[in-house]
Protein backbone atom coordinates (compact mmCIF):
# COMPACT_ATOMS: atom_id res chain seq x y z
CA MET A 1 -31.23 13.06 -0.26
CA ALA A 2 -28.75 10.90 1.41
CA SER A 3 -30.14 9.13 3.92
CA GLU A 4 -28.83 8.19 7.37
CA GLN A 5 -27.30 4.92 6.94
CA LEU A 6 -25.29 6.82 3.93
CA LYS A 7 -24.92 9.55 5.70
CA THR A 8 -22.69 6.85 7.99
CA VAL A 9 -21.14 5.22 4.67
CA LEU A 10 -20.35 8.42 3.80
CA LYS A 11 -18.05 9.45 7.08
CA MET A 12 -16.48 6.28 7.91
CA LEU A 13 -15.07 6.28 4.20
CA ARG A 14 -14.46 10.32 4.47
CA ALA A 15 -12.57 9.83 7.78
CA ASN A 16 -10.66 6.92 6.44
CA PRO A 17 -10.05 6.74 3.30
CA PRO A 18 -9.70 3.20 1.53
CA ILE A 19 -7.98 3.94 -1.97
CA GLN A 20 -5.18 6.36 -0.48
CA GLY A 21 -1.58 6.81 -0.79
CA ASP A 22 1.24 4.46 -1.65
CA LEU A 23 0.33 0.87 -2.53
CA ILE A 24 1.02 -0.68 0.74
CA SER A 25 -1.05 1.51 2.77
CA MET A 26 -3.81 0.58 0.18
CA ARG A 27 -3.37 -2.74 0.08
CA ALA A 28 -3.26 -3.04 3.40
CA GLY A 29 -6.25 -0.43 4.23
CA MET A 30 -8.19 -2.57 2.27
CA GLU A 31 -7.43 -5.90 4.25
CA ARG A 32 -8.68 -3.55 6.96
CA GLY A 33 -11.38 -3.97 5.64
CA GLY A 34 -11.58 -7.01 4.72
CA GLU A 35 -11.52 -7.91 7.28
CA ALA A 36 -13.65 -5.66 9.50
CA THR A 37 -16.93 -6.88 7.39
CA PRO A 38 -18.43 -10.17 8.88
CA LEU A 39 -18.70 -13.27 7.00
CA PRO A 40 -22.30 -14.52 7.02
CA LYS A 41 -22.06 -17.81 9.96
CA ASP A 42 -24.17 -20.59 8.44
CA VAL A 43 -21.79 -19.73 5.21
CA LYS A 44 -19.13 -22.64 3.65
CA PHE A 45 -16.30 -21.41 2.66
CA GLU A 46 -13.15 -24.19 1.27
CA ALA A 47 -9.82 -22.82 -0.04
CA VAL A 48 -9.55 -24.45 -4.27
CA SER A 49 -6.82 -24.67 -6.22
CA ALA A 50 -8.65 -23.92 -10.04
CA GLY A 51 -6.74 -24.45 -12.41
CA GLY A 52 -3.46 -23.33 -10.63
CA VAL A 53 -4.63 -20.14 -8.84
CA PRO A 54 -6.17 -19.25 -5.09
CA GLY A 55 -9.93 -19.96 -5.41
CA GLU A 56 -12.26 -20.08 -2.07
CA LEU A 57 -16.20 -21.33 -2.70
CA ALA A 58 -18.29 -19.79 -1.30
CA ILE A 59 -21.47 -21.86 -0.06
CA ALA A 60 -24.78 -21.48 1.69
CA PRO A 61 -27.24 -24.02 3.01
CA GLY A 62 -29.14 -25.18 0.78
CA ALA A 63 -26.48 -23.40 -2.18
CA ARG A 64 -27.49 -25.55 -5.99
CA ASP A 65 -24.39 -28.28 -6.73
CA ASP A 66 -24.76 -27.33 -10.74
CA ARG A 67 -24.77 -23.55 -11.28
CA ALA A 68 -22.31 -21.65 -9.52
CA ILE A 69 -20.26 -17.49 -10.13
CA VAL A 70 -17.23 -16.91 -10.39
CA TYR A 71 -16.46 -13.95 -9.40
CA VAL A 72 -13.85 -12.11 -9.44
CA HIS A 73 -12.19 -8.95 -6.99
CA GLY A 74 -12.22 -5.20 -7.32
CA GLY A 75 -8.74 -3.24 -5.89
CA GLY A 76 -7.13 -2.09 -8.91
CA TYR A 77 -5.70 -4.69 -10.13
CA CYS A 78 -3.43 -3.91 -7.39
CA LEU A 79 -5.36 -4.26 -4.62
CA GLY A 80 -7.36 -6.82 -2.74
CA SER A 81 -7.78 -10.50 -2.53
CA ILE A 82 -10.27 -13.32 -1.40
CA ALA A 83 -10.62 -12.69 2.09
CA THR A 84 -11.36 -8.62 1.52
CA HIS A 85 -14.20 -9.87 -1.00
CA SER A 86 -15.67 -13.00 0.48
CA ALA A 87 -18.38 -11.57 2.35
CA LEU A 88 -20.38 -10.14 -0.22
CA CYS A 89 -19.49 -13.51 -2.31
CA GLY A 90 -20.75 -14.89 0.69
CA ARG A 91 -23.60 -12.77 0.22
CA LEU A 92 -24.19 -13.39 -2.82
CA SER A 93 -24.35 -17.21 -2.43
CA ARG A 94 -27.30 -17.00 0.16
CA LEU A 95 -28.64 -14.70 -2.22
CA THR A 96 -28.79 -16.89 -5.78
CA GLY A 97 -28.37 -20.81 -4.04
CA THR A 98 -25.55 -20.34 -5.85
CA ARG A 99 -21.85 -22.11 -4.85
CA VAL A 100 -20.31 -18.65 -5.60
CA LEU A 101 -16.17 -19.34 -6.46
CA ASN A 102 -13.88 -15.93 -4.89
CA VAL A 103 -10.87 -15.48 -7.35
CA GLY A 104 -7.55 -14.61 -5.86
CA TYR A 105 -6.32 -13.85 -8.98
CA ARG A 106 -3.09 -12.11 -9.37
CA LEU A 107 -1.65 -9.02 -8.89
CA ALA A 108 -0.11 -5.72 -10.34
CA PRO A 109 2.57 -4.46 -10.42
CA GLU A 110 4.43 -7.70 -9.43
CA HIS A 111 2.03 -9.36 -12.31
CA PRO A 112 0.96 -7.10 -15.10
CA HIS A 113 -2.14 -7.15 -17.33
CA PRO A 114 -2.80 -9.96 -19.13
CA ALA A 115 -1.71 -11.35 -16.37
CA ALA A 116 -5.19 -10.98 -14.37
CA VAL A 117 -6.93 -11.73 -17.52
CA GLU A 118 -5.24 -15.30 -17.82
CA ASP A 119 -6.46 -16.59 -14.43
CA ALA A 120 -9.52 -15.22 -13.92
CA VAL A 121 -9.67 -16.95 -17.25
CA ALA A 122 -8.05 -20.69 -15.72
CA ALA A 123 -10.68 -19.78 -13.01
CA VAL A 124 -13.73 -20.50 -15.21
CA ARG A 125 -11.83 -23.59 -17.11
CA TRP A 126 -11.56 -25.38 -13.50
CA ILE A 127 -15.44 -24.81 -13.41
CA TYR A 128 -15.92 -25.91 -16.30
CA ALA A 129 -13.37 -29.38 -15.37
CA GLN A 130 -15.96 -29.28 -11.95
CA GLY A 131 -18.66 -30.72 -14.04
CA PHE A 132 -20.36 -27.14 -14.48
CA ALA A 133 -22.38 -26.07 -18.07
CA PRO A 134 -20.91 -22.95 -19.17
CA SER A 135 -24.52 -22.48 -19.77
CA ARG A 136 -25.50 -22.52 -15.22
CA VAL A 137 -22.71 -20.30 -14.97
CA ALA A 138 -22.18 -16.35 -15.15
CA LEU A 139 -19.42 -14.00 -14.74
CA ALA A 140 -19.36 -11.40 -11.90
CA GLY A 141 -16.79 -8.97 -10.60
CA ASP A 142 -16.51 -5.56 -9.12
CA SER A 143 -14.71 -2.18 -9.89
CA ALA A 144 -11.40 -3.73 -11.83
CA GLY A 145 -12.94 -6.63 -11.41
CA GLY A 146 -16.25 -5.50 -13.43
CA GLY A 147 -13.92 -4.91 -15.63
CA LEU A 148 -11.95 -8.02 -15.55
CA THR A 149 -15.63 -9.53 -15.96
CA ILE A 150 -15.82 -8.38 -19.48
CA ALA A 151 -12.36 -9.17 -20.74
CA THR A 152 -12.27 -12.05 -19.37
CA LEU A 153 -15.53 -13.20 -21.81
CA LEU A 154 -14.29 -11.13 -24.19
CA ALA A 155 -10.74 -13.64 -23.55
CA LEU A 156 -12.99 -16.88 -23.43
CA ARG A 157 -14.90 -16.19 -26.51
CA ASP A 158 -11.20 -15.63 -28.36
CA ALA A 159 -10.14 -18.60 -26.95
CA GLY A 160 -13.84 -20.30 -29.05
CA ASP A 161 -14.52 -21.93 -25.13
CA PRO A 162 -17.35 -21.20 -24.17
CA LEU A 163 -18.56 -18.64 -22.72
CA PRO A 164 -20.99 -18.54 -19.90
CA ALA A 165 -24.39 -17.50 -19.89
CA ALA A 166 -24.39 -14.72 -18.47
CA GLY A 167 -21.99 -11.64 -17.11
CA VAL A 168 -23.08 -8.79 -13.39
CA CYS A 169 -20.58 -5.73 -13.46
CA ILE A 170 -20.49 -3.49 -10.85
CA SER A 171 -19.41 -0.16 -10.48
CA PRO A 172 -16.93 -1.76 -13.65
CA TRP A 173 -13.83 0.68 -14.39
CA THR A 174 -13.49 -0.36 -18.59
CA ASP A 175 -11.86 2.38 -19.67
CA LEU A 176 -8.24 2.67 -18.04
CA SER A 177 -8.24 6.43 -19.99
CA ALA A 178 -10.34 8.09 -16.81
CA SER A 179 -11.37 9.89 -20.30
CA GLY A 180 -14.61 10.19 -19.00
CA GLU A 181 -16.77 12.69 -17.85
CA SER A 182 -17.47 11.53 -14.51
CA VAL A 183 -14.31 11.15 -13.70
CA LYS A 184 -14.09 15.19 -12.64
CA THR A 185 -17.69 15.55 -12.51
CA LYS A 186 -18.41 12.88 -10.04
CA ALA A 187 -15.18 14.24 -7.83
CA ALA A 188 -16.65 15.97 -5.27
CA LEU A 189 -19.21 13.33 -4.63
CA ASP A 190 -16.78 9.99 -4.80
CA PRO A 191 -15.36 9.05 -1.04
CA VAL A 192 -13.64 5.92 -3.56
CA VAL A 193 -11.90 6.80 -6.52
CA THR A 194 -10.15 9.43 -7.15
CA GLU A 195 -8.73 10.34 -10.71
CA GLY A 196 -5.48 10.28 -9.02
CA SER A 197 -5.40 6.89 -7.67
CA LEU A 198 -7.46 5.66 -10.68
CA ARG A 199 -4.19 6.69 -12.85
CA GLN A 200 -0.90 5.12 -10.16
CA LEU A 201 -3.14 2.06 -10.59
CA ALA A 202 -3.53 2.53 -14.00
CA ALA A 203 -0.26 2.88 -15.22
CA ALA A 204 1.05 -0.41 -12.34
CA TYR A 205 -1.08 -2.80 -14.26
CA LEU A 206 -0.98 -2.06 -17.25
CA GLY A 207 3.02 -2.23 -17.32
CA GLY A 208 3.94 0.45 -19.85
CA LYS A 209 1.10 -1.08 -22.77
CA PRO A 210 -1.30 1.51 -23.27
CA ALA A 211 -4.49 1.96 -21.33
CA GLN A 212 -6.77 2.00 -24.69
CA THR A 213 -5.81 -1.94 -24.97
CA PRO A 214 -8.62 -3.78 -25.54
CA LEU A 215 -8.50 -6.93 -22.37
CA ALA A 216 -7.16 -3.88 -19.69
CA SER A 217 -10.06 -0.78 -21.04
CA PRO A 218 -12.83 -2.85 -22.56
CA LEU A 219 -14.61 -0.42 -23.57
CA PHE A 220 -12.78 0.36 -26.46
CA ALA A 221 -12.56 -3.51 -27.65
CA ASP A 222 -15.30 -5.81 -30.12
CA LEU A 223 -17.51 -6.08 -27.78
CA ARG A 224 -20.19 -8.61 -30.24
CA GLY A 225 -20.50 -12.17 -28.70
CA LEU A 226 -20.98 -11.84 -25.12
CA PRO A 227 -23.53 -12.88 -22.91
CA PRO A 228 -26.48 -10.72 -21.19
CA LEU A 229 -25.25 -8.23 -19.26
CA LEU A 230 -26.40 -6.53 -15.87
CA VAL A 231 -25.04 -3.96 -15.11
CA GLN A 232 -24.56 -1.71 -12.06
CA VAL A 233 -23.06 0.91 -10.87
CA GLY A 234 -24.07 3.54 -8.16
CA SER A 235 -24.67 7.89 -9.54
CA ALA A 236 -22.52 9.80 -7.28
CA GLU A 237 -19.73 7.73 -9.19
CA VAL A 238 -15.95 8.87 -10.87
CA LEU A 239 -17.10 5.36 -13.05
CA LEU A 240 -20.18 6.47 -13.09
CA ASP A 241 -19.76 7.29 -17.02
CA ASP A 242 -17.15 4.20 -17.29
CA ALA A 243 -20.35 1.49 -16.98
CA THR A 244 -23.27 4.06 -18.78
CA ARG A 245 -20.06 4.33 -21.73
CA PHE A 246 -19.78 0.67 -21.95
CA ALA A 247 -23.54 -0.19 -22.00
CA SER A 248 -24.21 2.14 -24.92
CA ARG A 249 -20.82 0.19 -26.77
CA ALA A 250 -21.90 -3.29 -25.54
CA ARG A 251 -25.48 -3.01 -26.80
CA ASP A 252 -24.49 -1.35 -30.17
CA ALA A 253 -22.47 -4.28 -30.65
CA GLY A 254 -25.15 -6.13 -30.02
CA VAL A 255 -25.29 -7.07 -26.48
CA ASP A 256 -27.72 -7.71 -24.20
CA VAL A 257 -27.16 -5.28 -21.48
CA ALA A 258 -29.31 -4.05 -18.08
CA LEU A 259 -28.44 -1.23 -16.21
CA GLU A 260 -28.70 -0.82 -13.39
CA VAL A 261 -27.99 3.54 -11.87
CA TRP A 262 -28.75 4.07 -8.69
CA GLU A 263 -29.59 7.26 -7.31
CA ASP A 264 -26.60 8.36 -4.52
CA MET A 265 -25.13 5.18 -4.11
CA ILE A 266 -21.22 5.32 -4.15
CA HIS A 267 -18.62 2.84 -5.55
CA VAL A 268 -19.79 -0.99 -5.18
CA TRP A 269 -21.74 -0.01 -2.72
CA HIS A 270 -22.63 -3.61 -2.09
CA ALA A 271 -19.61 -4.07 0.60
CA PHE A 272 -21.69 -1.66 3.12
CA ALA A 273 -24.98 -3.94 2.81
CA GLY A 274 -25.48 -5.26 6.04
CA LEU A 275 -25.59 -0.44 7.01
CA LEU A 276 -27.16 0.18 3.32
CA PRO A 277 -30.53 -0.70 2.83
CA GLU A 278 -29.70 -0.36 -1.02
CA GLY A 279 -26.44 -2.97 -1.03
CA GLU A 280 -28.70 -5.45 -0.31
CA ARG A 281 -31.49 -4.52 -3.45
CA ALA A 282 -28.67 -5.08 -4.99
CA CYS A 283 -27.19 -7.93 -4.36
CA GLU A 284 -30.59 -8.60 -4.73
CA ARG A 285 -31.05 -7.44 -8.20
CA ILE A 286 -28.55 -9.18 -8.79
CA ALA A 287 -29.67 -12.76 -7.42
CA ALA A 288 -33.39 -11.97 -9.42
CA GLY A 289 -31.22 -11.79 -12.45
């Protein structure tokens, strides 16, 4: 049974669906959501150019200077920004005691695939160039950023770069063909993502490329050689099968995967940590890993 806190979040989302309408409306809605999320007052936010890519370092008091998380935001590769995810990155910096680089990668349709992958790779290389050893770096992201986390690891692997020590995929979008059964079976439960929005955003990002292109839909990629991964997904998500099928295929490829399915949780519930205790606990689980 849903808690009172979850009911409040669901009511809020259903009254103002964040991903609905044309691209301009969706972008504006996501930015408004980011503006409404208070930033942690004790965290320093510093604008940087990460290999030519806009970025923002979140540095909580006491954050270590020898470890970093590179974070790629969600938004279907077409929405979202540094600003929409500053609060979440600040929370992660505080919980992990680590500097978090929030990456403002280029968005589609103005910059279709593989622009986002190129920018994320550049940001990881920039972190390495700042003196952070790959063994002290993690890569993380939510939704499209969860898929981008995997794609970036694959691109680094294929280029012969050293890989970060770990990856974290929050409600990851791994299949732009929308072939998972949960796209339909969870439709009535998910107040954020719809099959229509998935197909709309996928088309914009793919720019005419096949939906099963491996670095756009890493569910279909050769996953061998990836570092340990933490995958978190809610049981009330349209993208549930994107997470569970990916975790299964990654394990089959020899990857160490910890899959967590959080009962009754919705898409990227971490973003509601201030209202939802499960959101805070999920962030704490990331920090513990």
